[in-house]
Amino acid sequence: MNLGLTKTRELMKANEAIFVIRFGNRRYAHKLLLDKWLLAQIKQH
């Protein structure tokens, strides 16, 4: 997707309830949920 760290963190913070999994202070994107969210974003535009 060619995103920098800052933009990635912004997206993860804004969509934390949708595809982000937290382990302690770390945040991980759940791949299947992220793909589903990206497809939904594409269909909206």
PDB file of N, CA and C in Angstrom:
ATOM      1  N   MET A   1       0.815  -1.193   0.000  1.00  0.00           N
ATOM      2  CA  MET A   1       0.000   0.000   0.000  1.00  0.00           C
ATOM      3  C   MET A   1       0.853   1.248   0.000  1.00  0.00           C
ATOM      4  N   ASN A   2       2.135   1.106   0.296  1.00  0.00           N
ATOM      5  CA  ASN A   2       3.057   2.230   0.253  1.00  0.00           C
ATOM      6  C   ASN A   2       2.671   3.344   1.232  1.00  0.00           C
ATOM      7  N   LEU A   3       2.441   2.979   2.489  1.00  0.00           N
ATOM      8  CA  LEU A   3       2.124   3.950   3.532  1.00  0.00           C
ATOM      9  C   LEU A   3       3.307   4.081   4.479  1.00  0.00           C
ATOM     10  N   GLY A   4       3.526   5.302   4.950  1.00  0.00           N
ATOM     11  CA  GLY A   4       4.573   5.519   5.935  1.00  0.00           C
ATOM     12  C   GLY A   4       4.083   5.151   7.332  1.00  0.00           C
ATOM     13  N   LEU A   5       4.987   5.186   8.286  1.00  0.00           N
ATOM     14  CA  LEU A   5       4.636   4.838   9.664  1.00  0.00           C
ATOM     15  C   LEU A   5       3.587   5.773  10.249  1.00  0.00           C
ATOM     16  N   THR A   6       3.715   7.065   9.988  1.00  0.00           N
ATOM     17  CA  THR A   6       2.776   8.030  10.547  1.00  0.00           C
ATOM     18  C   THR A   6       1.370   7.790  10.027  1.00  0.00           C
ATOM     19  N   LYS A   7       1.209   7.616   8.741  1.00  0.00           N
ATOM     20  CA  LYS A   7      -0.109   7.387   8.150  1.00  0.00           C
ATOM     21  C   LYS A   7      -0.683   6.053   8.614  1.00  0.00           C
ATOM     22  N   THR A   8       0.163   5.043   8.740  1.00  0.00           N
ATOM     23  CA  THR A   8      -0.289   3.740   9.220  1.00  0.00           C
ATOM     24  C   THR A   8      -0.816   3.857  10.641  1.00  0.00           C
ATOM     25  N   ARG A   9      -0.093   4.570  11.486  1.00  0.00           N
ATOM     26  CA  ARG A   9      -0.543   4.765  12.872  1.00  0.00           C
ATOM     27  C   ARG A   9      -1.847   5.545  12.922  1.00  0.00           C
ATOM     28  N   GLU A  10      -2.001   6.559  12.075  1.00  0.00           N
ATOM     29  CA  GLU A  10      -3.244   7.333  12.026  1.00  0.00           C
ATOM     30  C   GLU A  10      -4.422   6.442  11.646  1.00  0.00           C
ATOM     31  N   LEU A  11      -4.244   5.625  10.615  1.00  0.00           N
ATOM     32  CA  LEU A  11      -5.315   4.724  10.185  1.00  0.00           C
ATOM     33  C   LEU A  11      -5.676   3.715  11.268  1.00  0.00           C
ATOM     34  N   MET A  12      -4.663   3.177  11.932  1.00  0.00           N
ATOM     35  CA  MET A  12      -4.923   2.187  12.973  1.00  0.00           C
ATOM     36  C   MET A  12      -5.615   2.825  14.177  1.00  0.00           C
ATOM     37  N   LYS A  13      -5.239   4.048  14.520  1.00  0.00           N
ATOM     38  CA  LYS A  13      -5.870   4.729  15.652  1.00  0.00           C
ATOM     39  C   LYS A  13      -7.318   5.085  15.335  1.00  0.00           C
ATOM     40  N   ALA A  14      -7.584   5.523  14.116  1.00  0.00           N
ATOM     41  CA  ALA A  14      -8.940   5.910  13.723  1.00  0.00           C
ATOM     42  C   ALA A  14      -9.869   4.710  13.569  1.00  0.00           C
ATOM     43  N   ASN A  15      -9.328   3.534  13.293  1.00  0.00           N
ATOM     44  CA  ASN A  15     -10.141   2.339  13.040  1.00  0.00           C
ATOM     45  C   ASN A  15      -9.822   1.223  14.021  1.00  0.00           C
ATOM     46  N   GLU A  16      -9.524   1.600  15.249  1.00  0.00           N
ATOM     47  CA  GLU A  16      -9.081   0.631  16.247  1.00  0.00           C
ATOM     48  C   GLU A  16     -10.119  -0.457  16.521  1.00  0.00           C
ATOM     49  N   ALA A  17     -11.391  -0.121  16.458  1.00  0.00           N
ATOM     50  CA  ALA A  17     -12.442  -1.105  16.757  1.00  0.00           C
ATOM     51  C   ALA A  17     -12.706  -2.046  15.587  1.00  0.00           C
ATOM     52  N   ILE A  18     -12.175  -1.744  14.415  1.00  0.00           N
ATOM     53  CA  ILE A  18     -12.504  -2.523  13.225  1.00  0.00           C
ATOM     54  C   ILE A  18     -11.492  -3.631  12.950  1.00  0.00           C
ATOM     55  N   PHE A  19     -10.213  -3.310  12.877  1.00  0.00           N
ATOM     56  CA  PHE A  19      -9.241  -4.334  12.484  1.00  0.00           C
ATOM     57  C   PHE A  19      -7.964  -4.361  13.324  1.00  0.00           C
ATOM     58  N   VAL A  20      -7.929  -3.614  14.422  1.00  0.00           N
ATOM     59  CA  VAL A  20      -6.715  -3.535  15.230  1.00  0.00           C
ATOM     60  C   VAL A  20      -6.814  -4.454  16.447  1.00  0.00           C
ATOM     61  N   ILE A  21      -5.745  -5.189  16.691  1.00  0.00           N
ATOM     62  CA  ILE A  21      -5.636  -6.052  17.863  1.00  0.00           C
ATOM     63  C   ILE A  21      -4.489  -5.515  18.704  1.00  0.00           C
ATOM     64  N   ARG A  22      -4.726  -5.344  19.997  1.00  0.00           N
ATOM     65  CA  ARG A  22      -3.695  -4.808  20.882  1.00  0.00           C
ATOM     66  C   ARG A  22      -3.148  -5.890  21.792  1.00  0.00           C
ATOM     67  N   PHE A  23      -1.826  -5.959  21.874  1.00  0.00           N
ATOM     68  CA  PHE A  23      -1.115  -6.815  22.817  1.00  0.00           C
ATOM     69  C   PHE A  23      -0.203  -5.897  23.618  1.00  0.00           C
ATOM     70  N   GLY A  24      -0.610  -5.555  24.824  1.00  0.00           N
ATOM     71  CA  GLY A  24       0.167  -4.606  25.614  1.00  0.00           C
ATOM     72  C   GLY A  24       0.148  -3.249  24.939  1.00  0.00           C
ATOM     73  N   ASN A  25       1.326  -2.703  24.671  1.00  0.00           N
ATOM     74  CA  ASN A  25       1.424  -1.410  23.989  1.00  0.00           C
ATOM     75  C   ASN A  25       1.502  -1.550  22.476  1.00  0.00           C
ATOM     76  N   ARG A  26       1.535  -2.770  21.988  1.00  0.00           N
ATOM     77  CA  ARG A  26       1.670  -2.995  20.546  1.00  0.00           C
ATOM     78  C   ARG A  26       0.310  -3.113  19.880  1.00  0.00           C
ATOM     79  N   ARG A  27       0.245  -2.639  18.650  1.00  0.00           N
ATOM     80  CA  ARG A  27      -0.973  -2.752  17.850  1.00  0.00           C
ATOM     81  C   ARG A  27      -0.648  -3.556  16.603  1.00  0.00           C
ATOM     82  N   TYR A  28      -1.525  -4.477  16.297  1.00  0.00           N
ATOM     83  CA  TYR A  28      -1.373  -5.305  15.104  1.00  0.00           C
ATOM     84  C   TYR A  28      -2.648  -5.206  14.287  1.00  0.00           C
ATOM     85  N   ALA A  29      -2.513  -5.237  12.971  1.00  0.00           N
ATOM     86  CA  ALA A  29      -3.675  -5.238  12.088  1.00  0.00           C
ATOM     87  C   ALA A  29      -4.035  -6.688  11.776  1.00  0.00           C
ATOM     88  N   HIS A  30      -5.285  -7.047  12.012  1.00  0.00           N
ATOM     89  CA  HIS A  30      -5.781  -8.379  11.661  1.00  0.00           C
ATOM     90  C   HIS A  30      -5.942  -8.395  10.143  1.00  0.00           C
ATOM     91  N   LYS A  31      -5.166  -9.232   9.462  1.00  0.00           N
ATOM     92  CA  LYS A  31      -5.074  -9.211   7.994  1.00  0.00           C
ATOM     93  C   LYS A  31      -6.421  -9.363   7.306  1.00  0.00           C
ATOM     94  N   LEU A  32      -7.214 -10.347   7.703  1.00  0.00           N
ATOM     95  CA  LEU A  32      -8.500 -10.570   7.034  1.00  0.00           C
ATOM     96  C   LEU A  32      -9.456  -9.407   7.260  1.00  0.00           C
ATOM     97  N   LEU A  33      -9.497  -8.887   8.485  1.00  0.00           N
ATOM     98  CA  LEU A  33     -10.372  -7.747   8.771  1.00  0.00           C
ATOM     99  C   LEU A  33      -9.893  -6.489   8.051  1.00  0.00           C
ATOM    100  N   LEU A  34      -8.588  -6.313   7.954  1.00  0.00           N
ATOM    101  CA  LEU A  34      -8.037  -5.168   7.229  1.00  0.00           C
ATOM    102  C   LEU A  34      -8.389  -5.251   5.749  1.00  0.00           C
ATOM    103  N   ASP A  35      -8.229  -6.422   5.148  1.00  0.00           N
ATOM    104  CA  ASP A  35      -8.580  -6.604   3.735  1.00  0.00           C
ATOM    105  C   ASP A  35     -10.059  -6.319   3.497  1.00  0.00           C
ATOM    106  N   LYS A  36     -10.901  -6.797   4.401  1.00  0.00           N
ATOM    107  CA  LYS A  36     -12.345  -6.571   4.293  1.00  0.00           C
ATOM    108  C   LYS A  36     -12.663  -5.070   4.382  1.00  0.00           C
ATOM    109  N   TRP A  37     -12.005  -4.377   5.311  1.00  0.00           N
ATOM    110  CA  TRP A  37     -12.208  -2.948   5.491  1.00  0.00           C
ATOM    111  C   TRP A  37     -11.738  -2.180   4.253  1.00  0.00           C
ATOM    112  N   LEU A  38     -10.580  -2.573   3.697  1.00  0.00           N
ATOM    113  CA  LEU A  38     -10.066  -1.907   2.499  1.00  0.00           C
ATOM    114  C   LEU A  38     -11.021  -2.067   1.319  1.00  0.00           C
ATOM    115  N   LEU A  39     -11.562  -3.259   1.134  1.00  0.00           N
ATOM    116  CA  LEU A  39     -12.525  -3.480   0.049  1.00  0.00           C
ATOM    117  C   LEU A  39     -13.767  -2.620   0.237  1.00  0.00           C
ATOM    118  N   ALA A  40     -14.228  -2.486   1.473  1.00  0.00           N
ATOM    119  CA  ALA A  40     -15.391  -1.641   1.753  1.00  0.00           C
ATOM    120  C   ALA A  40     -15.082  -0.178   1.437  1.00  0.00           C
ATOM    121  N   GLN A  41     -13.853   0.271   1.728  1.00  0.00           N
ATOM    122  CA  GLN A  41     -13.462   1.647   1.436  1.00  0.00           C
ATOM    123  C   GLN A  41     -13.417   1.894  -0.070  1.00  0.00           C
ATOM    124  N   ILE A  42     -12.955   0.914  -0.814  1.00  0.00           N
ATOM    125  CA  ILE A  42     -12.880   1.037  -2.271  1.00  0.00           C
ATOM    126  C   ILE A  42     -14.279   1.122  -2.869  1.00  0.00           C
ATOM    127  N   LYS A  43     -15.192   0.309  -2.363  1.00  0.00           N
ATOM    128  CA  LYS A  43     -16.561   0.295  -2.884  1.00  0.00           C
ATOM    129  C   LYS A  43     -17.290   1.599  -2.594  1.00  0.00           C
ATOM    130  N   GLN A  44     -16.946   2.276  -1.493  1.00  0.00           N
ATOM    131  CA  GLN A  44     -17.584   3.544  -1.140  1.00  0.00           C
ATOM    132  C   GLN A  44     -17.184   4.658  -2.101  1.00  0.00           C
ATOM    133  N   HIS A  45     -15.998   4.552  -2.668  1.00  0.00           N
ATOM    134  CA  HIS A  45     -15.510   5.632  -3.535  1.00  0.00           C
ATOM    135  C   HIS A  45     -15.649   5.177  -4.927  1.00  0.00           C
TER     136      HIS A  45
END
